[in-house]
Amino acid sequence: MHAIAFQQAGYFTAAQALEAGYSYQAQRYHVDAGNWVRVDRGLFRLPEWPSDPDDIFVRWTLWSAGRGVVSHDSALAIHGLSDIDPAKVHLTVPPGMRASDSLVVLHVADLREDEREQRRGWAVTTPLRTLADAAATDVSQEQIDRAIDDALRRGLLTRRRLLRATADLPPHAALRLERALAKADPDA
């Protein structure tokens, strides 16, 4: 289990343990013996693994069976775009996912590979996709303005690339991004 857990910040699922040869009875034994910590139903962690601020993203990615990608408000915070601090983790999941939890906000969409960045045990939407997603939601225009300004100043995106991306967005989201670009520091 250590090899699997190593790739996922010390976490692993009951299904992964089963696949590695640990019966449900063996899984219970390892929890009772203190070899594994039960984090949630069907989710374990090695007890000696050091905690990290990104642990929450690994946890919810595993909860979604690896289908969830951290997105929207959570991705803004991860990329350091604006000063948004979401109370819940936002995940984009493919159509048909039925799971739900009060600590997670699910958004349904099919993401292309070039719209996600892989991290250790989890993935996050790219800055461009993150800004497009945020512009399509109820995030305030002030936060969108700040996020665009931050992205340009830090060189995460160019004005041209952002402007090109607006052509593929719903009109409301495109307008919000265009407004933010007009307000952004022209030297960024």
N, C-alpha and C. Protein backbone atom coordinates (compact mmCIF):
# COMPACT_ATOMS: atom_id res chain seq x y z
N MET A 1 0.82 -1.19 0.00
CA MET A 1 0.00 0.00 0.00
C MET A 1 0.86 1.27 0.00
N HIS A 2 2.08 1.14 0.48
CA HIS A 2 2.94 2.32 0.56
C HIS A 2 3.21 2.92 -0.82
N ALA A 3 3.38 2.09 -1.82
CA ALA A 3 3.66 2.61 -3.17
C ALA A 3 2.48 3.42 -3.70
N ILE A 4 1.29 2.91 -3.50
CA ILE A 4 0.08 3.62 -3.94
C ILE A 4 -0.08 4.90 -3.12
N ALA A 5 0.02 4.77 -1.80
CA ALA A 5 -0.16 5.92 -0.91
C ALA A 5 0.88 7.00 -1.19
N PHE A 6 2.08 6.60 -1.55
CA PHE A 6 3.14 7.56 -1.83
C PHE A 6 2.75 8.50 -2.96
N GLN A 7 2.03 8.02 -3.94
CA GLN A 7 1.61 8.83 -5.08
C GLN A 7 0.40 9.70 -4.77
N GLN A 8 -0.22 9.48 -3.60
CA GLN A 8 -1.47 10.16 -3.27
C GLN A 8 -1.42 10.80 -1.88
N ALA A 9 -0.28 11.37 -1.54
CA ALA A 9 -0.10 12.08 -0.26
C ALA A 9 -0.46 11.22 0.95
N GLY A 10 -0.18 9.93 0.86
CA GLY A 10 -0.43 9.03 1.97
C GLY A 10 -1.81 8.42 2.02
N TYR A 11 -2.68 8.83 1.11
CA TYR A 11 -4.06 8.33 1.06
C TYR A 11 -4.19 7.15 0.11
N PHE A 12 -5.19 6.34 0.35
CA PHE A 12 -5.58 5.27 -0.58
C PHE A 12 -7.01 4.85 -0.25
N THR A 13 -7.66 4.27 -1.22
CA THR A 13 -9.05 3.87 -1.05
C THR A 13 -9.15 2.39 -0.70
N ALA A 14 -10.31 2.00 -0.20
CA ALA A 14 -10.56 0.59 0.09
C ALA A 14 -10.47 -0.23 -1.19
N ALA A 15 -10.95 0.34 -2.29
CA ALA A 15 -10.88 -0.38 -3.57
C ALA A 15 -9.42 -0.60 -3.99
N GLN A 16 -8.57 0.40 -3.77
CA GLN A 16 -7.15 0.24 -4.10
C GLN A 16 -6.51 -0.80 -3.21
N ALA A 17 -6.87 -0.82 -1.93
CA ALA A 17 -6.33 -1.83 -1.00
C ALA A 17 -6.80 -3.22 -1.41
N LEU A 18 -8.05 -3.34 -1.79
CA LEU A 18 -8.59 -4.62 -2.25
C LEU A 18 -7.84 -5.10 -3.48
N GLU A 19 -7.61 -4.20 -4.41
CA GLU A 19 -6.88 -4.54 -5.63
C GLU A 19 -5.44 -4.97 -5.32
N ALA A 20 -4.87 -4.40 -4.25
CA ALA A 20 -3.50 -4.75 -3.86
C ALA A 20 -3.44 -6.03 -3.03
N GLY A 21 -4.61 -6.65 -2.78
CA GLY A 21 -4.64 -7.93 -2.10
C GLY A 21 -5.08 -7.89 -0.65
N TYR A 22 -5.54 -6.74 -0.17
CA TYR A 22 -6.01 -6.63 1.21
C TYR A 22 -7.52 -6.81 1.22
N SER A 23 -7.97 -7.93 1.81
CA SER A 23 -9.41 -8.17 1.92
C SER A 23 -10.01 -7.12 2.84
N TYR A 24 -11.33 -7.03 2.86
CA TYR A 24 -11.98 -6.09 3.77
C TYR A 24 -11.63 -6.43 5.22
N GLN A 25 -11.51 -7.70 5.53
CA GLN A 25 -11.14 -8.13 6.88
C GLN A 25 -9.71 -7.66 7.19
N ALA A 26 -8.82 -7.78 6.24
CA ALA A 26 -7.43 -7.32 6.44
C ALA A 26 -7.39 -5.80 6.58
N GLN A 27 -8.23 -5.11 5.84
CA GLN A 27 -8.28 -3.65 5.96
C GLN A 27 -8.72 -3.25 7.38
N ARG A 28 -9.72 -3.93 7.88
CA ARG A 28 -10.19 -3.65 9.25
C ARG A 28 -9.08 -3.93 10.26
N TYR A 29 -8.36 -5.03 10.05
CA TYR A 29 -7.26 -5.37 10.95
C TYR A 29 -6.22 -4.23 10.98
N HIS A 30 -5.85 -3.72 9.81
CA HIS A 30 -4.83 -2.67 9.74
C HIS A 30 -5.31 -1.36 10.39
N VAL A 31 -6.59 -1.09 10.29
CA VAL A 31 -7.14 0.09 10.97
C VAL A 31 -7.11 -0.14 12.48
N ASP A 32 -7.59 -1.29 12.93
CA ASP A 32 -7.63 -1.60 14.36
C ASP A 32 -6.22 -1.64 14.97
N ALA A 33 -5.24 -2.11 14.19
CA ALA A 33 -3.86 -2.21 14.68
C ALA A 33 -3.13 -0.86 14.63
N GLY A 34 -3.75 0.16 14.02
CA GLY A 34 -3.12 1.47 13.94
C GLY A 34 -2.17 1.63 12.77
N ASN A 35 -2.15 0.65 11.86
CA ASN A 35 -1.29 0.73 10.69
C ASN A 35 -1.85 1.70 9.64
N TRP A 36 -3.17 1.82 9.64
CA TRP A 36 -3.86 2.72 8.72
C TRP A 36 -4.83 3.57 9.53
N VAL A 37 -5.08 4.77 9.07
CA VAL A 37 -6.08 5.63 9.70
C VAL A 37 -7.28 5.72 8.75
N ARG A 38 -8.47 5.44 9.28
CA ARG A 38 -9.68 5.58 8.48
C ARG A 38 -10.04 7.07 8.45
N VAL A 39 -10.03 7.65 7.27
CA VAL A 39 -10.32 9.07 7.11
C VAL A 39 -11.81 9.28 6.85
N ASP A 40 -12.38 8.37 6.10
CA ASP A 40 -13.78 8.44 5.72
C ASP A 40 -14.17 7.05 5.27
N ARG A 41 -15.41 6.87 4.95
CA ARG A 41 -15.86 5.56 4.46
C ARG A 41 -15.08 5.21 3.19
N GLY A 42 -14.34 4.11 3.25
CA GLY A 42 -13.59 3.64 2.09
C GLY A 42 -12.34 4.44 1.78
N LEU A 43 -11.87 5.27 2.72
CA LEU A 43 -10.69 6.09 2.49
C LEU A 43 -9.76 6.00 3.70
N PHE A 44 -8.50 5.69 3.43
CA PHE A 44 -7.51 5.50 4.48
C PHE A 44 -6.30 6.38 4.23
N ARG A 45 -5.47 6.47 5.30
CA ARG A 45 -4.21 7.21 5.18
C ARG A 45 -3.17 6.53 6.07
N LEU A 46 -1.94 6.57 5.62
CA LEU A 46 -0.87 6.04 6.45
C LEU A 46 -0.66 6.99 7.63
N PRO A 47 -0.58 6.49 8.85
CA PRO A 47 -0.53 7.37 10.02
C PRO A 47 0.73 8.22 10.11
N GLU A 48 1.84 7.75 9.56
CA GLU A 48 3.09 8.49 9.67
C GLU A 48 3.27 9.56 8.60
N TRP A 49 2.31 9.65 7.69
CA TRP A 49 2.44 10.58 6.58
C TRP A 49 2.28 12.02 7.08
N PRO A 50 3.21 12.92 6.73
CA PRO A 50 3.09 14.31 7.19
C PRO A 50 1.93 15.02 6.50
N SER A 51 1.28 15.90 7.24
CA SER A 51 0.15 16.62 6.65
C SER A 51 0.66 17.76 5.77
N ASP A 52 -0.18 18.15 4.83
CA ASP A 52 0.16 19.17 3.85
C ASP A 52 -1.11 19.94 3.52
N PRO A 53 -1.01 21.22 3.21
CA PRO A 53 -2.22 21.98 2.88
C PRO A 53 -3.00 21.41 1.68
N ASP A 54 -2.33 20.69 0.78
CA ASP A 54 -3.01 20.13 -0.40
C ASP A 54 -3.73 18.81 -0.10
N ASP A 55 -3.60 18.29 1.12
CA ASP A 55 -4.22 17.01 1.46
C ASP A 55 -5.71 16.97 1.15
N ILE A 56 -6.38 18.07 1.39
CA ILE A 56 -7.83 18.11 1.17
C ILE A 56 -8.18 17.83 -0.29
N PHE A 57 -7.32 18.28 -1.21
CA PHE A 57 -7.59 18.07 -2.63
C PHE A 57 -7.38 16.61 -3.03
N VAL A 58 -6.38 15.98 -2.44
CA VAL A 58 -6.17 14.54 -2.68
C VAL A 58 -7.37 13.77 -2.15
N ARG A 59 -7.78 14.12 -0.95
CA ARG A 59 -8.92 13.42 -0.33
C ARG A 59 -10.16 13.47 -1.21
N TRP A 60 -10.52 14.65 -1.69
CA TRP A 60 -11.75 14.76 -2.48
C TRP A 60 -11.58 14.20 -3.88
N THR A 61 -10.37 14.19 -4.39
CA THR A 61 -10.14 13.53 -5.68
C THR A 61 -10.37 12.03 -5.54
N LEU A 62 -9.84 11.44 -4.48
CA LEU A 62 -10.06 10.01 -4.25
C LEU A 62 -11.53 9.73 -3.97
N TRP A 63 -12.19 10.61 -3.22
CA TRP A 63 -13.63 10.46 -2.97
C TRP A 63 -14.40 10.39 -4.29
N SER A 64 -13.95 11.16 -5.28
CA SER A 64 -14.63 11.17 -6.59
C SER A 64 -14.12 10.08 -7.51
N ALA A 65 -13.41 9.11 -6.95
CA ALA A 65 -12.84 7.99 -7.73
C ALA A 65 -11.89 8.50 -8.81
N GLY A 66 -11.20 9.59 -8.52
CA GLY A 66 -10.22 10.13 -9.45
C GLY A 66 -10.81 10.93 -10.59
N ARG A 67 -12.11 11.11 -10.61
CA ARG A 67 -12.76 11.82 -11.72
C ARG A 67 -12.86 13.32 -11.49
N GLY A 68 -12.78 13.76 -10.25
CA GLY A 68 -12.91 15.18 -9.94
C GLY A 68 -11.63 15.95 -10.16
N VAL A 69 -11.78 17.15 -10.69
CA VAL A 69 -10.67 18.08 -10.89
C VAL A 69 -11.00 19.33 -10.09
N VAL A 70 -10.08 19.76 -9.26
CA VAL A 70 -10.29 20.96 -8.45
C VAL A 70 -10.47 22.14 -9.40
N SER A 71 -11.51 22.93 -9.17
CA SER A 71 -11.87 23.97 -10.14
C SER A 71 -12.52 25.18 -9.46
N HIS A 72 -12.97 26.09 -10.29
CA HIS A 72 -13.74 27.27 -9.88
C HIS A 72 -13.06 28.02 -8.72
N ASP A 73 -13.80 28.31 -7.64
CA ASP A 73 -13.26 29.11 -6.53
C ASP A 73 -12.02 28.47 -5.92
N SER A 74 -12.03 27.15 -5.78
CA SER A 74 -10.87 26.46 -5.20
C SER A 74 -9.64 26.62 -6.09
N ALA A 75 -9.83 26.53 -7.39
CA ALA A 75 -8.70 26.68 -8.32
C ALA A 75 -8.18 28.12 -8.31
N LEU A 76 -9.08 29.11 -8.18
CA LEU A 76 -8.62 30.50 -8.05
C LEU A 76 -7.67 30.63 -6.87
N ALA A 77 -8.05 30.04 -5.73
CA ALA A 77 -7.22 30.10 -4.53
C ALA A 77 -5.90 29.37 -4.74
N ILE A 78 -5.94 28.21 -5.35
CA ILE A 78 -4.71 27.43 -5.59
C ILE A 78 -3.74 28.20 -6.47
N HIS A 79 -4.25 28.82 -7.51
CA HIS A 79 -3.39 29.57 -8.44
C HIS A 79 -3.01 30.95 -7.89
N GLY A 80 -3.60 31.33 -6.76
CA GLY A 80 -3.32 32.64 -6.18
C GLY A 80 -3.90 33.78 -6.99
N LEU A 81 -5.05 33.53 -7.60
CA LEU A 81 -5.73 34.54 -8.41
C LEU A 81 -6.87 35.11 -7.60
N SER A 82 -6.79 36.38 -7.27
CA SER A 82 -7.72 37.10 -6.39
C SER A 82 -7.43 36.68 -4.94
N ASP A 83 -8.28 37.11 -4.05
CA ASP A 83 -8.08 36.74 -2.65
C ASP A 83 -9.25 35.88 -2.15
N ILE A 84 -9.85 35.17 -3.06
CA ILE A 84 -10.99 34.33 -2.72
C ILE A 84 -10.54 33.17 -1.83
N ASP A 85 -11.37 32.84 -0.85
CA ASP A 85 -11.07 31.77 0.10
C ASP A 85 -12.34 30.94 0.29
N PRO A 86 -12.56 29.96 -0.58
CA PRO A 86 -13.83 29.22 -0.52
C PRO A 86 -13.94 28.33 0.73
N ALA A 87 -15.14 28.24 1.24
CA ALA A 87 -15.41 27.41 2.41
C ALA A 87 -15.52 25.94 2.04
N LYS A 88 -15.85 25.66 0.79
CA LYS A 88 -16.00 24.29 0.31
C LYS A 88 -15.04 24.06 -0.86
N VAL A 89 -14.72 22.81 -1.10
CA VAL A 89 -13.89 22.46 -2.24
C VAL A 89 -14.78 22.36 -3.47
N HIS A 90 -14.34 23.00 -4.54
CA HIS A 90 -15.07 22.95 -5.81
C HIS A 90 -14.38 21.93 -6.71
N LEU A 91 -15.17 21.00 -7.23
CA LEU A 91 -14.67 19.97 -8.14
C LEU A 91 -15.50 19.97 -9.41
N THR A 92 -14.83 19.85 -10.54
CA THR A 92 -15.54 19.60 -11.79
C THR A 92 -15.47 18.11 -12.04
N VAL A 93 -16.63 17.52 -12.26
CA VAL A 93 -16.74 16.08 -12.48
C VAL A 93 -17.43 15.83 -13.81
N PRO A 94 -17.19 14.66 -14.41
CA PRO A 94 -17.85 14.37 -15.67
C PRO A 94 -19.34 14.11 -15.48
N PRO A 95 -20.12 14.28 -16.54
CA PRO A 95 -21.56 13.99 -16.44
C PRO A 95 -21.79 12.56 -15.94
N GLY A 96 -22.82 12.40 -15.15
CA GLY A 96 -23.20 11.07 -14.67
C GLY A 96 -22.70 10.73 -13.28
N MET A 97 -21.83 11.54 -12.70
CA MET A 97 -21.36 11.25 -11.35
C MET A 97 -22.48 11.54 -10.37
N ARG A 98 -22.78 10.58 -9.53
CA ARG A 98 -23.92 10.68 -8.64
C ARG A 98 -23.57 11.03 -7.20
N ALA A 99 -22.32 10.93 -6.81
CA ALA A 99 -21.93 11.18 -5.42
C ALA A 99 -22.17 12.64 -5.05
N SER A 100 -22.38 12.87 -3.77
CA SER A 100 -22.52 14.24 -3.28
C SER A 100 -22.08 14.28 -1.83
N ASP A 101 -21.67 15.45 -1.39
CA ASP A 101 -21.25 15.65 -0.01
C ASP A 101 -21.44 17.13 0.30
N SER A 102 -21.80 17.44 1.52
CA SER A 102 -22.07 18.83 1.89
C SER A 102 -20.80 19.69 1.93
N LEU A 103 -19.62 19.08 1.90
CA LEU A 103 -18.36 19.82 1.95
C LEU A 103 -17.79 20.11 0.57
N VAL A 104 -18.49 19.66 -0.47
CA VAL A 104 -17.99 19.80 -1.84
C VAL A 104 -19.07 20.45 -2.71
N VAL A 105 -18.62 21.33 -3.60
CA VAL A 105 -19.50 21.90 -4.62
C VAL A 105 -19.10 21.23 -5.93
N LEU A 106 -20.03 20.51 -6.52
CA LEU A 106 -19.74 19.81 -7.78
C LEU A 106 -20.22 20.63 -8.97
N HIS A 107 -19.37 20.70 -9.98
CA HIS A 107 -19.69 21.32 -11.26
C HIS A 107 -19.53 20.22 -12.31
N VAL A 108 -20.46 20.12 -13.21
CA VAL A 108 -20.44 19.04 -14.19
C VAL A 108 -19.96 19.56 -15.54
N ALA A 109 -18.91 18.94 -16.05
CA ALA A 109 -18.37 19.30 -17.36
C ALA A 109 -17.35 18.25 -17.77
N ASP A 110 -17.17 18.11 -19.07
CA ASP A 110 -16.09 17.28 -19.60
C ASP A 110 -14.90 18.21 -19.82
N LEU A 111 -13.81 17.94 -19.13
CA LEU A 111 -12.60 18.74 -19.27
C LEU A 111 -11.63 18.06 -20.23
N ARG A 112 -11.02 18.86 -21.08
CA ARG A 112 -9.98 18.34 -21.96
C ARG A 112 -8.68 18.23 -21.16
N GLU A 113 -7.77 17.42 -21.63
CA GLU A 113 -6.48 17.25 -20.95
C GLU A 113 -5.73 18.57 -20.84
N ASP A 114 -5.84 19.44 -21.86
CA ASP A 114 -5.11 20.70 -21.83
C ASP A 114 -5.77 21.75 -20.92
N GLU A 115 -6.86 21.37 -20.25
CA GLU A 115 -7.54 22.27 -19.32
C GLU A 115 -7.26 21.90 -17.87
N ARG A 116 -6.36 20.96 -17.66
CA ARG A 116 -6.05 20.51 -16.31
C ARG A 116 -4.54 20.42 -16.11
N GLU A 117 -4.14 20.66 -14.88
CA GLU A 117 -2.74 20.51 -14.49
C GLU A 117 -2.68 19.40 -13.45
N GLN A 118 -1.81 18.45 -13.66
CA GLN A 118 -1.69 17.33 -12.73
C GLN A 118 -0.77 17.72 -11.57
N ARG A 119 -1.22 17.45 -10.38
CA ARG A 119 -0.42 17.63 -9.17
C ARG A 119 -0.20 16.25 -8.56
N ARG A 120 0.42 16.18 -7.43
CA ARG A 120 0.69 14.89 -6.80
C ARG A 120 -0.58 14.33 -6.15
N GLY A 121 -1.27 13.44 -6.86
CA GLY A 121 -2.48 12.80 -6.34
C GLY A 121 -3.77 13.54 -6.66
N TRP A 122 -3.70 14.65 -7.38
CA TRP A 122 -4.90 15.40 -7.72
C TRP A 122 -4.61 16.29 -8.93
N ALA A 123 -5.66 16.86 -9.48
CA ALA A 123 -5.52 17.75 -10.63
C ALA A 123 -6.31 19.02 -10.37
N VAL A 124 -5.89 20.10 -11.01
CA VAL A 124 -6.55 21.40 -10.89
C VAL A 124 -6.72 21.95 -12.30
N THR A 125 -7.77 22.72 -12.52
CA THR A 125 -7.94 23.34 -13.83
C THR A 125 -6.84 24.37 -14.06
N THR A 126 -6.47 24.55 -15.31
CA THR A 126 -5.44 25.53 -15.67
C THR A 126 -5.93 26.94 -15.32
N PRO A 127 -5.02 27.90 -15.22
CA PRO A 127 -5.48 29.27 -14.93
C PRO A 127 -6.52 29.77 -15.95
N LEU A 128 -6.31 29.49 -17.23
CA LEU A 128 -7.27 29.94 -18.24
C LEU A 128 -8.64 29.33 -18.02
N ARG A 129 -8.70 28.02 -17.84
CA ARG A 129 -9.99 27.35 -17.60
C ARG A 129 -10.61 27.84 -16.29
N THR A 130 -9.78 28.06 -15.28
CA THR A 130 -10.26 28.54 -13.98
C THR A 130 -10.94 29.90 -14.13
N LEU A 131 -10.31 30.81 -14.86
CA LEU A 131 -10.89 32.13 -15.06
C LEU A 131 -12.20 32.06 -15.85
N ALA A 132 -12.23 31.20 -16.86
CA ALA A 132 -13.45 31.03 -17.66
C ALA A 132 -14.58 30.47 -16.78
N ASP A 133 -14.25 29.48 -15.95
CA ASP A 133 -15.26 28.90 -15.05
C ASP A 133 -15.77 29.94 -14.07
N ALA A 134 -14.85 30.69 -13.46
CA ALA A 134 -15.24 31.69 -12.47
C ALA A 134 -16.12 32.77 -13.10
N ALA A 135 -15.78 33.18 -14.31
CA ALA A 135 -16.56 34.22 -14.99
C ALA A 135 -17.98 33.76 -15.29
N ALA A 136 -18.19 32.47 -15.39
CA ALA A 136 -19.52 31.93 -15.70
C ALA A 136 -20.37 31.71 -14.45
N THR A 137 -19.80 31.96 -13.27
CA THR A 137 -20.53 31.74 -12.02
C THR A 137 -20.87 33.07 -11.36
N ASP A 138 -21.24 32.99 -10.10
CA ASP A 138 -21.63 34.19 -9.36
C ASP A 138 -20.48 34.85 -8.60
N VAL A 139 -19.24 34.50 -8.93
CA VAL A 139 -18.09 35.19 -8.35
C VAL A 139 -18.22 36.66 -8.73
N SER A 140 -17.97 37.56 -7.79
CA SER A 140 -18.16 38.99 -8.06
C SER A 140 -17.24 39.48 -9.17
N GLN A 141 -17.69 40.52 -9.86
CA GLN A 141 -16.86 41.12 -10.92
C GLN A 141 -15.55 41.64 -10.33
N GLU A 142 -15.59 42.12 -9.11
CA GLU A 142 -14.37 42.60 -8.45
C GLU A 142 -13.34 41.47 -8.31
N GLN A 143 -13.81 40.28 -7.95
CA GLN A 143 -12.89 39.13 -7.83
C GLN A 143 -12.36 38.71 -9.21
N ILE A 144 -13.21 38.77 -10.22
CA ILE A 144 -12.77 38.45 -11.58
C ILE A 144 -11.72 39.46 -12.02
N ASP A 145 -11.97 40.74 -11.77
CA ASP A 145 -11.01 41.79 -12.13
C ASP A 145 -9.66 41.53 -11.46
N ARG A 146 -9.70 41.24 -10.18
CA ARG A 146 -8.47 40.98 -9.43
C ARG A 146 -7.76 39.73 -9.96
N ALA A 147 -8.52 38.68 -10.26
CA ALA A 147 -7.93 37.43 -10.75
C ALA A 147 -7.24 37.64 -12.11
N ILE A 148 -7.90 38.39 -13.00
CA ILE A 148 -7.30 38.67 -14.32
C ILE A 148 -6.02 39.49 -14.14
N ASP A 149 -6.09 40.51 -13.30
CA ASP A 149 -4.92 41.34 -13.06
C ASP A 149 -3.77 40.51 -12.48
N ASP A 150 -4.07 39.64 -11.54
CA ASP A 150 -3.05 38.76 -10.94
C ASP A 150 -2.44 37.84 -12.00
N ALA A 151 -3.29 37.24 -12.82
CA ALA A 151 -2.81 36.30 -13.85
C ALA A 151 -1.90 37.00 -14.86
N LEU A 152 -2.26 38.20 -15.26
CA LEU A 152 -1.45 38.95 -16.22
C LEU A 152 -0.14 39.40 -15.59
N ARG A 153 -0.21 39.94 -14.38
CA ARG A 153 0.99 40.42 -13.70
C ARG A 153 2.01 39.30 -13.48
N ARG A 154 1.52 38.11 -13.15
CA ARG A 154 2.40 36.98 -12.87
C ARG A 154 2.80 36.21 -14.13
N GLY A 155 2.29 36.64 -15.28
CA GLY A 155 2.66 36.00 -16.54
C GLY A 155 2.04 34.63 -16.76
N LEU A 156 0.94 34.34 -16.05
CA LEU A 156 0.26 33.06 -16.24
C LEU A 156 -0.48 33.01 -17.57
N LEU A 157 -0.89 34.18 -18.06
CA LEU A 157 -1.64 34.29 -19.31
C LEU A 157 -1.28 35.60 -19.98
N THR A 158 -1.59 35.68 -21.26
CA THR A 158 -1.43 36.94 -21.98
C THR A 158 -2.81 37.51 -22.29
N ARG A 159 -2.84 38.80 -22.55
CA ARG A 159 -4.10 39.45 -22.93
C ARG A 159 -4.68 38.78 -24.17
N ARG A 160 -3.82 38.53 -25.16
CA ARG A 160 -4.27 37.93 -26.42
C ARG A 160 -4.90 36.56 -26.18
N ARG A 161 -4.27 35.75 -25.36
CA ARG A 161 -4.80 34.40 -25.11
C ARG A 161 -6.15 34.48 -24.39
N LEU A 162 -6.25 35.38 -23.42
CA LEU A 162 -7.52 35.55 -22.71
C LEU A 162 -8.62 36.03 -23.66
N LEU A 163 -8.28 37.00 -24.49
CA LEU A 163 -9.27 37.53 -25.43
C LEU A 163 -9.72 36.46 -26.42
N ARG A 164 -8.78 35.65 -26.89
CA ARG A 164 -9.13 34.54 -27.79
C ARG A 164 -10.07 33.55 -27.12
N ALA A 165 -9.82 33.29 -25.84
CA ALA A 165 -10.63 32.32 -25.10
C ALA A 165 -12.07 32.77 -24.93
N THR A 166 -12.30 34.08 -24.91
CA THR A 166 -13.66 34.58 -24.70
C THR A 166 -14.59 34.19 -25.86
N ALA A 167 -14.03 33.93 -27.04
CA ALA A 167 -14.85 33.56 -28.21
C ALA A 167 -15.61 32.26 -27.99
N ASP A 168 -15.07 31.38 -27.14
CA ASP A 168 -15.70 30.07 -26.91
C ASP A 168 -16.56 30.02 -25.65
N LEU A 169 -16.73 31.16 -24.99
CA LEU A 169 -17.47 31.19 -23.73
C LEU A 169 -18.90 31.67 -23.94
N PRO A 170 -19.78 31.35 -22.99
CA PRO A 170 -21.12 31.94 -23.03
C PRO A 170 -20.99 33.47 -22.98
N PRO A 171 -21.91 34.20 -23.60
CA PRO A 171 -21.80 35.66 -23.66
C PRO A 171 -21.57 36.35 -22.32
N HIS A 172 -22.28 35.91 -21.29
CA HIS A 172 -22.15 36.53 -19.97
C HIS A 172 -20.71 36.39 -19.44
N ALA A 173 -20.14 35.20 -19.54
CA ALA A 173 -18.78 34.96 -19.06
C ALA A 173 -17.77 35.74 -19.89
N ALA A 174 -17.95 35.75 -21.20
CA ALA A 174 -17.03 36.49 -22.08
C ALA A 174 -17.04 37.97 -21.74
N LEU A 175 -18.22 38.53 -21.53
CA LEU A 175 -18.33 39.94 -21.19
C LEU A 175 -17.61 40.26 -19.89
N ARG A 176 -17.75 39.40 -18.89
CA ARG A 176 -17.09 39.63 -17.60
C ARG A 176 -15.57 39.61 -17.75
N LEU A 177 -15.06 38.68 -18.56
CA LEU A 177 -13.61 38.63 -18.77
C LEU A 177 -13.12 39.84 -19.56
N GLU A 178 -13.89 40.25 -20.56
CA GLU A 178 -13.51 41.42 -21.36
C GLU A 178 -13.50 42.69 -20.51
N ARG A 179 -14.46 42.82 -19.61
CA ARG A 179 -14.50 43.97 -18.69
C ARG A 179 -13.25 43.97 -17.79
N ALA A 180 -12.91 42.80 -17.29
CA ALA A 180 -11.73 42.69 -16.42
C ALA A 180 -10.46 43.01 -17.19
N LEU A 181 -10.37 42.58 -18.44
CA LEU A 181 -9.20 42.90 -19.27
C LEU A 181 -9.09 44.40 -19.50
N ALA A 182 -10.21 45.05 -19.70
CA ALA A 182 -10.20 46.50 -19.94
C ALA A 182 -9.71 47.26 -18.70
N LYS A 183 -9.99 46.73 -17.51
CA LYS A 183 -9.58 47.39 -16.27
C LYS A 183 -8.15 47.03 -15.85
N ALA A 184 -7.62 45.95 -16.38
CA ALA A 184 -6.32 45.44 -15.93
C ALA A 184 -5.20 46.41 -16.26
N ASP A 185 -4.16 46.36 -15.49
CA ASP A 185 -2.97 47.19 -15.69
C ASP A 185 -2.44 46.94 -17.11
N PRO A 186 -2.35 47.97 -17.94
CA PRO A 186 -1.90 47.78 -19.32
C PRO A 186 -0.45 47.33 -19.44
N ASP A 187 0.33 47.52 -18.39
CA ASP A 187 1.73 47.09 -18.44
C ASP A 187 1.91 45.66 -18.00
N ALA A 188 0.83 45.02 -17.54
CA ALA A 188 0.93 43.63 -17.06
C ALA A 188 1.02 42.66 -18.20
